[in-house]
């Protein structure tokens, strides 16, 4: 359990009394049209242990319980390269990996080892990204792109240099807006309060504007990257223990996999 003073940038300027705020950790599965796409991969054992995270269920095991074999997944979208988003990427050994070019270049460049950035990553996990590229499985985006039918990836930056948002079509004409860490919490947008870890503050604010516009679009459903409220707003997804997965959209659309509190839920 964290505190708002730790989670929000310069929390003291808002004049609020500090209060606790839990952080859940998620990954998502997009299914439809015979394809399975995984958005982010959760944190790995080393990255979680180093930061005292408690894993409720291992992501690869959770995916298996949902009928998803990591080795058979066709595509993985990496929203950004922090430890809690690429920690199990190596398990998806046959998948095309999609991420923003700016994100890849930053985390394979000289600043990745500077302390203010390095705390949020695992160097061994970053080292896997060039190997994926050498294998011909890496797709780098310079702008918004439809990467599969009904799935659009939109770079926004802010939290990291190449942070992306994923839009996934749902049955009935809806769209799930997977904000990832462009908005960790619903209240982050509602109160216009940036997260403490930010690479580009202006880009983060502009990302807030974009997400708010998306959220106001009829049929669009916003899903923040770490908010426990996600588990309450959406119906449980069968196949895992209660409280570990929810369904966003219709029966062939998507399930959400995450970890609870200072641990992981999927």
Foldseek 3Di string as FASTA:
>chain_A
DAKPCQWFAPVVVVVDDIDDAFWKAKKKWFFDPNAIEIEFQFAAPVLLVVVVFAAPDHRQVLCVLVVHHLCPHAAYEQQAAFRGGQRPVVSNVRYQYEFAPQRLDVCVDDCCPPPLNVNRHDNVSNVVVVVCVVVVRYDHDPAWDQPDVQKIWGFQAWLHRGGIWIWGAFPPGAIEIERAQLPQEPVCLVVVTHTRRTDDHVSSSVSSVVVVVQCPDPRYHYDHRIHLCVLVPFDADPRDPRPQKGDDHDDRTMMMGWGIGSYIGD
